[in-house]
Amino acid sequence: MGSDDPVTRSWADRILVLDRRWIYLAVAVAVILPLLFPLGLAIRPSKEAIAFRDAIAQLEPGSVILFSFDYEADTRAELDPMSEAIWNECFRRGLRVVALTNYPGGPGVAEPIMRGAAERQGKAYGVDYVFLGFNPDWSGTMLRLGESFKATFPRDHSGRPLEQLPLMREVDSYQNTPLLVSIASSQLAEYWTIWAGGRFGQKIICGTTAIQAVGIYPYYQTGQVLGFLGGLKGAAEYERLTAQTGAATTGMDAQTTAHALIAALVVLGNIAYWSQRRARSG
């Protein structure tokens, strides 16, 4: 009976020829179980997330912020938890929100988040928040908003004239919004910093996908962006800072256990390889 016989194989041989389907199953279990039974793993907020939290916390109740949903369905898993946590916190603090999107698919992302937060916090459309909708010319939109919201969006996303909405009688440019929040899957957060921040002095915080976060650091370091959240981890940090337990926190549990499993398999595979090599050379 040779070494290829399953009965005589060493543990190292068995590890190195392990059917990959068992690995896929193990990863699936590592992801699913923490989602069903959250582990509550420790999350240490970064200084960028703390600065993001502070920028919102420093606003007086009744202040109006401008919120831009700068992403579509392809990045909802990463950015929706971020948006949900921010809207919950803004409404909890008594802030009012004027929202828009620079993506044609943005309304489908924005509406359930706004509606859900409003229902949870007992907020009314037109009084506590307004959704302006989508404009195709993102750079022109960013510039025109500095002159007049009503000229840029004469009607809201549902077609109602802005002058009929009580909130929009109080705000009509960046001068009336002490803070702008961009949640972006692209460089649009950077363009808000250039056009709204650089041209009109609008204060800005932003949240991005993890891969886009690296582009925000220079703006944060120079003070052009007051704070930012990077990817699901940033969303989980903000949930922790605002005493929320949402999709980001449980998502980080799943992500951490999956990464730990993969790292363990890599280590185990290397140990098995060197053990097998040593046995053969001996």
Foldseek 3Di string as FASTA:
>chain_A
DDCPPPVNPDPLVCLQPPDCVVVVVVLVCLQPVCLVPPPQDDFDFDPQLVLVVVLLVPDAAAAEAEEEEADADVCCLWQVLLLLLVLLVCLVRNYAYEYEYADQRRVVSPVVSNVVSCVVSVHDELARYFAQYYDPPLLVLLQVQQVFPCVSRCARPVRHGNVVRVVSVQDTHLVRHQEYEYEHADCVLVSNLCRVCVPPVRAYEYEYEQVCVVVCVVCCVVRSHRHYAYILSRSLSNCVVVVHDDSSSSSVSSVVSSVVSVVVSVVSSVVSVVVVVVVVVD
